[in-house]
mmCIF file of all heavy atoms, coordinates in Angstrom:
data_MODEL
# 
_entry.id   MODEL 
# 
loop_
_atom_site.group_PDB 
_atom_site.id 
_atom_site.type_symbol 
_atom_site.label_atom_id 
_atom_site.label_alt_id 
_atom_site.label_comp_id 
_atom_site.label_asym_id 
_atom_site.label_entity_id 
_atom_site.label_seq_id 
_atom_site.pdbx_PDB_ins_code 
_atom_site.Cartn_x 
_atom_site.Cartn_y 
_atom_site.Cartn_z 
_atom_site.occupancy 
_atom_site.B_iso_or_equiv 
_atom_site.pdbx_formal_charge 
_atom_site.auth_seq_id 
_atom_site.auth_comp_id 
_atom_site.auth_asym_id 
_atom_site.auth_atom_id 
_atom_site.pdbx_PDB_model_num 
ATOM 1   N N   . ALA A 1 1  ? 32.425 14.336 -105.035 1.00 0.00 ? 1  ALA A N   1 
ATOM 2   C CA  . ALA A 1 1  ? 32.581 15.790 -104.923 1.00 0.00 ? 1  ALA A CA  1 
ATOM 3   C C   . ALA A 1 1  ? 31.997 16.302 -103.616 1.00 0.00 ? 1  ALA A C   1 
ATOM 4   O O   . ALA A 1 1  ? 32.419 17.337 -103.109 1.00 0.00 ? 1  ALA A O   1 
ATOM 5   C CB  . ALA A 1 1  ? 31.909 16.481 -106.108 1.00 0.00 ? 1  ALA A CB  1 
ATOM 6   N N   . ARG A 1 2  ? 31.047 15.563 -103.072 1.00 0.00 ? 2  ARG A N   1 
ATOM 7   C CA  . ARG A 1 2  ? 30.416 15.958 -101.815 1.00 0.00 ? 2  ARG A CA  1 
ATOM 8   C C   . ARG A 1 2  ? 31.132 15.390 -100.596 1.00 0.00 ? 2  ARG A C   1 
ATOM 9   O O   . ARG A 1 2  ? 31.344 16.093 -99.609  1.00 0.00 ? 2  ARG A O   1 
ATOM 10  C CB  . ARG A 1 2  ? 28.951 15.508 -101.814 1.00 0.00 ? 2  ARG A CB  1 
ATOM 11  C CG  . ARG A 1 2  ? 28.108 16.273 -102.823 1.00 0.00 ? 2  ARG A CG  1 
ATOM 12  C CD  . ARG A 1 2  ? 26.733 15.683 -103.033 1.00 0.00 ? 2  ARG A CD  1 
ATOM 13  N NE  . ARG A 1 2  ? 26.025 15.476 -101.775 1.00 0.00 ? 2  ARG A NE  1 
ATOM 14  C CZ  . ARG A 1 2  ? 24.922 14.747 -101.682 1.00 0.00 ? 2  ARG A CZ  1 
ATOM 15  N NH1 . ARG A 1 2  ? 24.398 14.168 -102.752 1.00 0.00 ? 2  ARG A NH1 1 
ATOM 16  N NH2 . ARG A 1 2  ? 24.334 14.599 -100.526 1.00 0.00 ? 2  ARG A NH2 1 
ATOM 17  N N   . HIS A 1 3  ? 31.515 14.105 -100.637 1.00 0.00 ? 3  HIS A N   1 
ATOM 18  C CA  . HIS A 1 3  ? 32.128 13.494 -99.442  1.00 0.00 ? 3  HIS A CA  1 
ATOM 19  C C   . HIS A 1 3  ? 33.643 13.496 -99.475  1.00 0.00 ? 3  HIS A C   1 
ATOM 20  O O   . HIS A 1 3  ? 34.276 13.281 -98.454  1.00 0.00 ? 3  HIS A O   1 
ATOM 21  C CB  . HIS A 1 3  ? 31.582 12.088 -99.163  1.00 0.00 ? 3  HIS A CB  1 
ATOM 22  C CG  . HIS A 1 3  ? 31.857 11.072 -100.206 1.00 0.00 ? 3  HIS A CG  1 
ATOM 23  N ND1 . HIS A 1 3  ? 33.116 10.654 -100.558 1.00 0.00 ? 3  HIS A ND1 1 
ATOM 24  C CD2 . HIS A 1 3  ? 31.007 10.357 -100.985 1.00 0.00 ? 3  HIS A CD2 1 
ATOM 25  C CE1 . HIS A 1 3  ? 33.046 9.724  -101.492 1.00 0.00 ? 3  HIS A CE1 1 
ATOM 26  N NE2 . HIS A 1 3  ? 31.782 9.533  -101.778 1.00 0.00 ? 3  HIS A NE2 1 
ATOM 27  N N   . ARG A 1 4  ? 34.244 13.735 -100.661 1.00 0.00 ? 4  ARG A N   1 
ATOM 28  C CA  . ARG A 1 4  ? 35.681 13.925 -100.826 1.00 0.00 ? 4  ARG A CA  1 
ATOM 29  C C   . ARG A 1 4  ? 36.522 12.732 -100.395 1.00 0.00 ? 4  ARG A C   1 
ATOM 30  O O   . ARG A 1 4  ? 37.635 12.872 -99.898  1.00 0.00 ? 4  ARG A O   1 
ATOM 31  C CB  . ARG A 1 4  ? 36.141 15.174 -100.059 1.00 0.00 ? 4  ARG A CB  1 
ATOM 32  C CG  . ARG A 1 4  ? 35.421 16.444 -100.430 1.00 0.00 ? 4  ARG A CG  1 
ATOM 33  C CD  . ARG A 1 4  ? 35.888 17.013 -101.715 1.00 0.00 ? 4  ARG A CD  1 
ATOM 34  N NE  . ARG A 1 4  ? 37.301 17.358 -101.639 1.00 0.00 ? 4  ARG A NE  1 
ATOM 35  C CZ  . ARG A 1 4  ? 37.942 17.973 -102.609 1.00 0.00 ? 4  ARG A CZ  1 
ATOM 36  N NH1 . ARG A 1 4  ? 37.323 18.307 -103.709 1.00 0.00 ? 4  ARG A NH1 1 
ATOM 37  N NH2 . ARG A 1 4  ? 39.221 18.245 -102.489 1.00 0.00 ? 4  ARG A NH2 1 
ATOM 38  N N   . ARG A 1 5  ? 35.992 11.518 -100.597 1.00 0.00 ? 5  ARG A N   1 
ATOM 39  C CA  . ARG A 1 5  ? 36.746 10.293 -100.322 1.00 0.00 ? 5  ARG A CA  1 
ATOM 40  C C   . ARG A 1 5  ? 36.677 9.406  -101.552 1.00 0.00 ? 5  ARG A C   1 
ATOM 41  O O   . ARG A 1 5  ? 35.706 9.468  -102.310 1.00 0.00 ? 5  ARG A O   1 
ATOM 42  C CB  . ARG A 1 5  ? 36.153 9.536  -99.129  1.00 0.00 ? 5  ARG A CB  1 
ATOM 43  C CG  . ARG A 1 5  ? 36.307 10.270 -97.834  1.00 0.00 ? 5  ARG A CG  1 
ATOM 44  C CD  . ARG A 1 5  ? 35.775 9.418  -96.701  1.00 0.00 ? 5  ARG A CD  1 
ATOM 45  N NE  . ARG A 1 5  ? 34.353 9.178  -96.864  1.00 0.00 ? 5  ARG A NE  1 
ATOM 46  C CZ  . ARG A 1 5  ? 33.410 9.596  -96.032  1.00 0.00 ? 5  ARG A CZ  1 
ATOM 47  N NH1 . ARG A 1 5  ? 33.729 10.278 -94.966  1.00 0.00 ? 5  ARG A NH1 1 
ATOM 48  N NH2 . ARG A 1 5  ? 32.152 9.334  -96.250  1.00 0.00 ? 5  ARG A NH2 1 
ATOM 49  N N   . PRO A 1 6  ? 37.675 8.537  -101.744 1.00 0.00 ? 6  PRO A N   1 
ATOM 50  C CA  . PRO A 1 6  ? 37.586 7.595  -102.850 1.00 0.00 ? 6  PRO A CA  1 
ATOM 51  C C   . PRO A 1 6  ? 36.385 6.675  -102.637 1.00 0.00 ? 6  PRO A C   1 
ATOM 52  O O   . PRO A 1 6  ? 36.239 6.081  -101.573 1.00 0.00 ? 6  PRO A O   1 
ATOM 53  C CB  . PRO A 1 6  ? 38.894 6.805  -102.764 1.00 0.00 ? 6  PRO A CB  1 
ATOM 54  C CG  . PRO A 1 6  ? 39.798 7.625  -101.908 1.00 0.00 ? 6  PRO A CG  1 
ATOM 55  C CD  . PRO A 1 6  ? 38.911 8.406  -100.989 1.00 0.00 ? 6  PRO A CD  1 
ATOM 56  N N   . SER A 1 7  ? 35.527 6.567  -103.610 1.00 0.00 ? 7  SER A N   1 
ATOM 57  C CA  . SER A 1 7  ? 34.322 5.736  -103.465 1.00 0.00 ? 7  SER A CA  1 
ATOM 58  C C   . SER A 1 7  ? 34.640 4.283  -103.192 1.00 0.00 ? 7  SER A C   1 
ATOM 59  O O   . SER A 1 7  ? 33.830 3.563  -102.640 1.00 0.00 ? 7  SER A O   1 
ATOM 60  C CB  . SER A 1 7  ? 33.450 5.834  -104.724 1.00 0.00 ? 7  SER A CB  1 
ATOM 61  O OG  . SER A 1 7  ? 32.988 7.136  -104.881 1.00 0.00 ? 7  SER A OG  1 
ATOM 62  N N   . ARG A 1 8  ? 35.812 3.850  -103.598 1.00 0.00 ? 8  ARG A N   1 
ATOM 63  C CA  . ARG A 1 8  ? 36.162 2.446  -103.386 1.00 0.00 ? 8  ARG A CA  1 
ATOM 64  C C   . ARG A 1 8  ? 36.585 2.162  -101.942 1.00 0.00 ? 8  ARG A C   1 
ATOM 65  O O   . ARG A 1 8  ? 36.697 1.022  -101.548 1.00 0.00 ? 8  ARG A O   1 
ATOM 66  C CB  . ARG A 1 8  ? 37.263 2.046  -104.369 1.00 0.00 ? 8  ARG A CB  1 
ATOM 67  C CG  . ARG A 1 8  ? 36.750 2.041  -105.817 1.00 0.00 ? 8  ARG A CG  1 
ATOM 68  C CD  . ARG A 1 8  ? 37.829 1.734  -106.827 1.00 0.00 ? 8  ARG A CD  1 
ATOM 69  N NE  . ARG A 1 8  ? 38.832 2.753  -107.053 1.00 0.00 ? 8  ARG A NE  1 
ATOM 70  C CZ  . ARG A 1 8  ? 38.639 3.899  -107.704 1.00 0.00 ? 8  ARG A CZ  1 
ATOM 71  N NH1 . ARG A 1 8  ? 37.463 4.188  -108.169 1.00 0.00 ? 8  ARG A NH1 1 
ATOM 72  N NH2 . ARG A 1 8  ? 39.611 4.751  -107.880 1.00 0.00 ? 8  ARG A NH2 1 
ATOM 73  N N   . ASP A 1 9  ? 36.853 3.206  -101.171 1.00 0.00 ? 9  ASP A N   1 
ATOM 74  C CA  . ASP A 1 9  ? 37.238 3.008  -99.770  1.00 0.00 ? 9  ASP A CA  1 
ATOM 75  C C   . ASP A 1 9  ? 36.736 4.176  -98.941  1.00 0.00 ? 9  ASP A C   1 
ATOM 76  O O   . ASP A 1 9  ? 37.481 5.112  -98.630  1.00 0.00 ? 9  ASP A O   1 
ATOM 77  C CB  . ASP A 1 9  ? 38.754 2.867  -99.646  1.00 0.00 ? 9  ASP A CB  1 
ATOM 78  C CG  . ASP A 1 9  ? 39.187 2.538  -98.218  1.00 0.00 ? 9  ASP A CG  1 
ATOM 79  O OD1 . ASP A 1 9  ? 38.300 2.369  -97.337  1.00 0.00 ? 9  ASP A OD1 1 
ATOM 80  O OD2 . ASP A 1 9  ? 40.400 2.453  -97.978  1.00 0.00 ? 9  ASP A OD2 1 
ATOM 81  N N   . LEU A 1 10 ? 35.474 4.111  -98.558  1.00 0.00 ? 10 LEU A N   1 
ATOM 82  C CA  . LEU A 1 10 ? 34.853 5.207  -97.807  1.00 0.00 ? 10 LEU A CA  1 
ATOM 83  C C   . LEU A 1 10 ? 35.331 5.269  -96.361  1.00 0.00 ? 10 LEU A C   1 
ATOM 84  O O   . LEU A 1 10 ? 34.940 6.170  -95.626  1.00 0.00 ? 10 LEU A O   1 
ATOM 85  C CB  . LEU A 1 10 ? 33.329 5.087  -97.866  1.00 0.00 ? 10 LEU A CB  1 
ATOM 86  C CG  . LEU A 1 10 ? 32.741 5.273  -99.266  1.00 0.00 ? 10 LEU A CG  1 
ATOM 87  C CD1 . LEU A 1 10 ? 31.248 5.003  -99.252  1.00 0.00 ? 10 LEU A CD1 1 
ATOM 88  C CD2 . LEU A 1 10 ? 33.044 6.657  -99.805  1.00 0.00 ? 10 LEU A CD2 1 
ATOM 89  N N   . THR A 1 11 ? 36.193 4.317  -95.950  1.00 0.00 ? 11 THR A N   1 
ATOM 90  C CA  . THR A 1 11 ? 36.738 4.377  -94.597  1.00 0.00 ? 11 THR A CA  1 
ATOM 91  C C   . THR A 1 11 ? 37.868 5.403  -94.515  1.00 0.00 ? 11 THR A C   1 
ATOM 92  O O   . THR A 1 11 ? 38.252 5.798  -93.415  1.00 0.00 ? 11 THR A O   1 
ATOM 93  C CB  . THR A 1 11 ? 37.265 3.011  -94.145  1.00 0.00 ? 11 THR A CB  1 
ATOM 94  O OG1 . THR A 1 11 ? 38.360 2.619  -94.999  1.00 0.00 ? 11 THR A OG1 1 
ATOM 95  C CG2 . THR A 1 11 ? 36.167 1.960  -94.193  1.00 0.00 ? 11 THR A CG2 1 
ATOM 96  N N   . GLN A 1 12 ? 38.411 5.840  -95.653  1.00 0.00 ? 12 GLN A N   1 
ATOM 97  C CA  . GLN A 1 12 ? 39.474 6.839  -95.640  1.00 0.00 ? 12 GLN A CA  1 
ATOM 98  C C   . GLN A 1 12 ? 38.912 8.194  -95.215  1.00 0.00 ? 12 GLN A C   1 
ATOM 99  O O   . GLN A 1 12 ? 37.747 8.498  -95.442  1.00 0.00 ? 12 GLN A O   1 
ATOM 100 C CB  . GLN A 1 12 ? 40.097 6.974  -97.036  1.00 0.00 ? 12 GLN A CB  1 
ATOM 101 C CG  . GLN A 1 12 ? 40.915 5.785  -97.451  1.00 0.00 ? 12 GLN A CG  1 
ATOM 102 C CD  . GLN A 1 12 ? 41.658 6.064  -98.745  1.00 0.00 ? 12 GLN A CD  1 
ATOM 103 O OE1 . GLN A 1 12 ? 42.008 7.196  -99.056  1.00 0.00 ? 12 GLN A OE1 1 
ATOM 104 N NE2 . GLN A 1 12 ? 41.907 5.012  -99.512  1.00 0.00 ? 12 GLN A NE2 1 
ATOM 105 N N   . ALA A 1 13 ? 39.773 8.970  -94.623  1.00 0.00 ? 13 ALA A N   1 
ATOM 106 C CA  . ALA A 1 13 ? 39.381 10.331 -94.245  1.00 0.00 ? 13 ALA A CA  1 
ATOM 107 C C   . ALA A 1 13 ? 39.150 11.162 -95.497  1.00 0.00 ? 13 ALA A C   1 
ATOM 108 O O   . ALA A 1 13 ? 39.805 10.940 -96.510  1.00 0.00 ? 13 ALA A O   1 
ATOM 109 C CB  . ALA A 1 13 ? 40.481 10.966 -93.396  1.00 0.00 ? 13 ALA A CB  1 
ATOM 110 N N   . PRO A 1 14 ? 38.228 12.111 -95.445  1.00 0.00 ? 14 PRO A N   1 
ATOM 111 C CA  . PRO A 1 14 ? 38.012 12.978 -96.597  1.00 0.00 ? 14 PRO A CA  1 
ATOM 112 C C   . PRO A 1 14 ? 39.274 13.752 -96.953  1.00 0.00 ? 14 PRO A C   1 
ATOM 113 O O   . PRO A 1 14 ? 40.039 14.161 -96.076  1.00 0.00 ? 14 PRO A O   1 
ATOM 114 C CB  . PRO A 1 14 ? 36.913 13.934 -96.143  1.00 0.00 ? 14 PRO A CB  1 
ATOM 115 C CG  . PRO A 1 14 ? 36.239 13.248 -95.015  1.00 0.00 ? 14 PRO A CG  1 
ATOM 116 C CD  . PRO A 1 14 ? 37.299 12.407 -94.351  1.00 0.00 ? 14 PRO A CD  1 
ATOM 117 N N   . HIS A 1 15 ? 39.487 13.944 -98.256  1.00 0.00 ? 15 HIS A N   1 
ATOM 118 C CA  . HIS A 1 15 ? 40.601 14.754 -98.729  1.00 0.00 ? 15 HIS A CA  1 
ATOM 119 C C   . HIS A 1 15 ? 40.091 16.179 -98.919  1.00 0.00 ? 15 HIS A C   1 
ATOM 120 O O   . HIS A 1 15 ? 39.253 16.437 -99.769  1.00 0.00 ? 15 HIS A O   1 
ATOM 121 C CB  . HIS A 1 15 ? 41.125 14.217 -100.060 1.00 0.00 ? 15 HIS A CB  1 
ATOM 122 C CG  . HIS A 1 15 ? 42.134 15.120 -100.678 1.00 0.00 ? 15 HIS A CG  1 
ATOM 123 N ND1 . HIS A 1 15 ? 43.428 15.182 -100.240 1.00 0.00 ? 15 HIS A ND1 1 
ATOM 124 C CD2 . HIS A 1 15 ? 42.026 16.029 -101.671 1.00 0.00 ? 15 HIS A CD2 1 
ATOM 125 C CE1 . HIS A 1 15 ? 44.081 16.080 -100.948 1.00 0.00 ? 15 HIS A CE1 1 
ATOM 126 N NE2 . HIS A 1 15 ? 43.250 16.608 -101.827 1.00 0.00 ? 15 HIS A NE2 1 
ATOM 127 N N   . GLY A 1 16 ? 40.539 17.089 -98.096  1.00 0.00 ? 16 GLY A N   1 
ATOM 128 C CA  . GLY A 1 16 ? 40.120 18.482 -98.207  1.00 0.00 ? 16 GLY A CA  1 
ATOM 129 C C   . GLY A 1 16 ? 38.628 18.667 -98.029  1.00 0.00 ? 16 GLY A C   1 
ATOM 130 O O   . GLY A 1 16 ? 37.955 19.199 -98.901  1.00 0.00 ? 16 GLY A O   1 
ATOM 131 N N   . PRO A 1 17 ? 38.067 18.243 -96.894  1.00 0.00 ? 17 PRO A N   1 
ATOM 132 C CA  . PRO A 1 17 ? 36.622 18.317 -96.710  1.00 0.00 ? 17 PRO A CA  1 
ATOM 133 C C   . PRO A 1 17 ? 36.068 19.734 -96.840  1.00 0.00 ? 17 PRO A C   1 
ATOM 134 O O   . PRO A 1 17 ? 34.905 19.910 -97.205  1.00 0.00 ? 17 PRO A O   1 
ATOM 135 C CB  . PRO A 1 17 ? 36.393 17.753 -95.308  1.00 0.00 ? 17 PRO A CB  1 
ATOM 136 C CG  . PRO A 1 17 ? 37.704 17.881 -94.616  1.00 0.00 ? 17 PRO A CG  1 
ATOM 137 C CD  . PRO A 1 17 ? 38.751 17.748 -95.688  1.00 0.00 ? 17 PRO A CD  1 
ATOM 138 N N   . GLU A 1 18 ? 36.903 20.743 -96.593  1.00 0.00 ? 18 GLU A N   1 
ATOM 139 C CA  . GLU A 1 18 ? 36.435 22.123 -96.742  1.00 0.00 ? 18 GLU A CA  1 
ATOM 140 C C   . GLU A 1 18 ? 36.196 22.487 -98.209  1.00 0.00 ? 18 GLU A C   1 
ATOM 141 O O   . GLU A 1 18 ? 35.589 23.502 -98.515  1.00 0.00 ? 18 GLU A O   1 
ATOM 142 C CB  . GLU A 1 18 ? 37.450 23.096 -96.109  1.00 0.00 ? 18 GLU A CB  1 
ATOM 143 C CG  . GLU A 1 18 ? 38.747 23.259 -96.882  1.00 0.00 ? 18 GLU A CG  1 
ATOM 144 C CD  . GLU A 1 18 ? 39.748 22.112 -96.733  1.00 0.00 ? 18 GLU A CD  1 
ATOM 145 O OE1 . GLU A 1 18 ? 39.484 21.162 -95.960  1.00 0.00 ? 18 GLU A OE1 1 
ATOM 146 O OE2 . GLU A 1 18 ? 40.789 22.170 -97.397  1.00 0.00 ? 18 GLU A OE2 1 
ATOM 147 N N   . GLN A 1 19 ? 36.642 21.624 -99.118  1.00 0.00 ? 19 GLN A N   1 
ATOM 148 C CA  . GLN A 1 19 ? 36.455 21.853 -100.547 1.00 0.00 ? 19 GLN A CA  1 
ATOM 149 C C   . GLN A 1 19 ? 35.240 21.112 -101.102 1.00 0.00 ? 19 GLN A C   1 
ATOM 150 O O   . GLN A 1 19 ? 34.967 21.152 -102.300 1.00 0.00 ? 19 GLN A O   1 
ATOM 151 C CB  . GLN A 1 19 ? 37.708 21.429 -101.319 1.00 0.00 ? 19 GLN A CB  1 
ATOM 152 C CG  . GLN A 1 19 ? 38.940 22.239 -100.979 1.00 0.00 ? 19 GLN A CG  1 
ATOM 153 C CD  . GLN A 1 19 ? 38.755 23.704 -101.300 1.00 0.00 ? 19 GLN A CD  1 
ATOM 154 O OE1 . GLN A 1 19 ? 38.175 24.070 -102.321 1.00 0.00 ? 19 GLN A OE1 1 
ATOM 155 N NE2 . GLN A 1 19 ? 39.237 24.569 -100.416 1.00 0.00 ? 19 GLN A NE2 1 
ATOM 156 N N   . ALA A 1 20 ? 34.494 20.440 -100.243 1.00 0.00 ? 20 ALA A N   1 
ATOM 157 C CA  . ALA A 1 20 ? 33.317 19.681 -100.692 1.00 0.00 ? 20 ALA A CA  1 
ATOM 158 C C   . ALA A 1 20 ? 32.281 20.604 -101.318 1.00 0.00 ? 20 ALA A C   1 
ATOM 159 O O   . ALA A 1 20 ? 32.081 21.733 -100.891 1.00 0.00 ? 20 ALA A O   1 
ATOM 160 C CB  . ALA A 1 20 ? 32.702 18.931 -99.509  1.00 0.00 ? 20 ALA A CB  1 
ATOM 161 N N   . LEU A 1 21 ? 31.627 20.086 -102.336 1.00 0.00 ? 21 LEU A N   1 
ATOM 162 C CA  . LEU A 1 21 ? 30.518 20.798 -102.960 1.00 0.00 ? 21 LEU A CA  1 
ATOM 163 C C   . LEU A 1 21 ? 29.219 20.397 -102.271 1.00 0.00 ? 21 LEU A C   1 
ATOM 164 O O   . LEU A 1 21 ? 29.118 19.318 -101.693 1.00 0.00 ? 21 LEU A O   1 
ATOM 165 C CB  . LEU A 1 21 ? 30.434 20.457 -104.448 1.00 0.00 ? 21 LEU A CB  1 
ATOM 166 C CG  . LEU A 1 21 ? 31.636 20.859 -105.313 1.00 0.00 ? 21 LEU A CG  1 
ATOM 167 C CD1 . LEU A 1 21 ? 31.385 20.459 -106.760 1.00 0.00 ? 21 LEU A CD1 1 
ATOM 168 C CD2 . LEU A 1 21 ? 31.936 22.336 -105.190 1.00 0.00 ? 21 LEU A CD2 1 
ATOM 169 N N   . THR A 1 22 ? 28.230 21.252 -102.355 1.00 0.00 ? 22 THR A N   1 
ATOM 170 C CA  . THR A 1 22 ? 26.901 20.902 -101.858 1.00 0.00 ? 22 THR A CA  1 
ATOM 171 C C   . THR A 1 22 ? 26.254 19.955 -102.860 1.00 0.00 ? 22 THR A C   1 
ATOM 172 O O   . THR A 1 22 ? 26.737 19.781 -103.985 1.00 0.00 ? 22 THR A O   1 
ATOM 173 C CB  . THR A 1 22 ? 26.015 22.147 -101.711 1.00 0.00 ? 22 THR A CB  1 
ATOM 174 O OG1 . THR A 1 22 ? 25.740 22.678 -103.023 1.00 0.00 ? 22 THR A OG1 1 
ATOM 175 C CG2 . THR A 1 22 ? 26.664 23.204 -100.827 1.00 0.00 ? 22 THR A CG2 1 
ATOM 176 N N   . ALA A 1 23 ? 25.147 19.378 -102.472 1.00 0.00 ? 23 ALA A N   1 
ATOM 177 C CA  . ALA A 1 23 ? 24.426 18.482 -103.385 1.00 0.00 ? 23 ALA A CA  1 
ATOM 178 C C   . ALA A 1 23 ? 24.015 19.231 -104.651 1.00 0.00 ? 23 ALA A C   1 
ATOM 179 O O   . ALA A 1 23 ? 24.160 18.703 -105.765 1.00 0.00 ? 23 ALA A O   1 
ATOM 180 C CB  . ALA A 1 23 ? 23.205 17.893 -102.683 1.00 0.00 ? 23 ALA A CB  1 
ATOM 181 N N   . LEU A 1 24 ? 23.520 20.439 -104.515 1.00 0.00 ? 24 LEU A N   1 
ATOM 182 C CA  . LEU A 1 24 ? 23.103 21.211 -105.685 1.00 0.00 ? 24 LEU A CA  1 
ATOM 183 C C   . LEU A 1 24 ? 24.299 21.576 -106.562 1.00 0.00 ? 24 LEU A C   1 
ATOM 184 O O   . LEU A 1 24 ? 24.233 21.477 -107.794 1.00 0.00 ? 24 LEU A O   1 
ATOM 185 C CB  . LEU A 1 24 ? 22.347 22.467 -105.257 1.00 0.00 ? 24 LEU A CB  1 
ATOM 186 C CG  . LEU A 1 24 ? 21.848 23.361 -106.408 1.00 0.00 ? 24 LEU A CG  1 
ATOM 187 C CD1 . LEU A 1 24 ? 20.922 22.591 -107.349 1.00 0.00 ? 24 LEU A CD1 1 
ATOM 188 C CD2 . LEU A 1 24 ? 21.153 24.598 -105.850 1.00 0.00 ? 24 LEU A CD2 1 
ATOM 189 N N   . GLN A 1 25 ? 25.398 21.962 -105.964 1.00 0.00 ? 25 GLN A N   1 
ATOM 190 C CA  . GLN A 1 25 ? 26.593 22.297 -106.746 1.00 0.00 ? 25 GLN A CA  1 
ATOM 191 C C   . GLN A 1 25 ? 27.096 21.081 -107.517 1.00 0.00 ? 25 GLN A C   1 
ATOM 192 O O   . GLN A 1 25 ? 27.488 21.209 -108.684 1.00 0.00 ? 25 GLN A O   1 
ATOM 193 C CB  . GLN A 1 25 ? 27.692 22.836 -105.827 1.00 0.00 ? 25 GLN A CB  1 
ATOM 194 C CG  . GLN A 1 25 ? 27.398 24.209 -105.270 1.00 0.00 ? 25 GLN A CG  1 
ATOM 195 C CD  . GLN A 1 25 ? 28.361 24.604 -104.165 1.00 0.00 ? 25 GLN A CD  1 
ATOM 196 O OE1 . GLN A 1 25 ? 28.965 23.759 -103.490 1.00 0.00 ? 25 GLN A OE1 1 
ATOM 197 N NE2 . GLN A 1 25 ? 28.518 25.907 -103.973 1.00 0.00 ? 25 GLN A NE2 1 
ATOM 198 N N   . ALA A 1 26 ? 27.092 19.910 -106.883 1.00 0.00 ? 26 ALA A N   1 
ATOM 199 C CA  . ALA A 1 26 ? 27.535 18.694 -107.574 1.00 0.00 ? 26 ALA A CA  1 
ATOM 200 C C   . ALA A 1 26 ? 26.621 18.376 -108.758 1.00 0.00 ? 26 ALA A C   1 
ATOM 201 O O   . ALA A 1 26 ? 27.094 18.034 -109.841 1.00 0.00 ? 26 ALA A O   1 
ATOM 202 C CB  . ALA A 1 26 ? 27.590 17.519 -106.602 1.00 0.00 ? 26 ALA A CB  1 
ATOM 203 N N   . LEU A 1 27 ? 25.318 18.508 -108.564 1.00 0.00 ? 27 LEU A N   1 
ATOM 204 C CA  . LEU A 1 27 ? 24.378 18.275 -109.665 1.00 0.00 ? 27 LEU A CA  1 
ATOM 205 C C   . LEU A 1 27 ? 24.604 19.285 -110.793 1.00 0.00 ? 27 LEU A C   1 
ATOM 206 O O   . LEU A 1 27 ? 24.637 18.921 -111.970 1.00 0.00 ? 27 LEU A O   1 
ATOM 207 C CB  . LEU A 1 27 ? 22.939 18.347 -109.152 1.00 0.00 ? 27 LEU A CB  1 
ATOM 208 C CG  . LEU A 1 27 ? 21.845 18.104 -110.197 1.00 0.00 ? 27 LEU A CG  1 
ATOM 209 C CD1 . LEU A 1 27 ? 21.966 16.723 -110.822 1.00 0.00 ? 27 LEU A CD1 1 
ATOM 210 C CD2 . LEU A 1 27 ? 20.469 18.295 -109.557 1.00 0.00 ? 27 LEU A CD2 1 
# 
């Protein structure tokens, strides 16, 4: 929810990075 990439392939570009949640919002 914070980095907006599939955890299995962090080399991919984020999907909609402007939609990322902050650490507190994710918690």
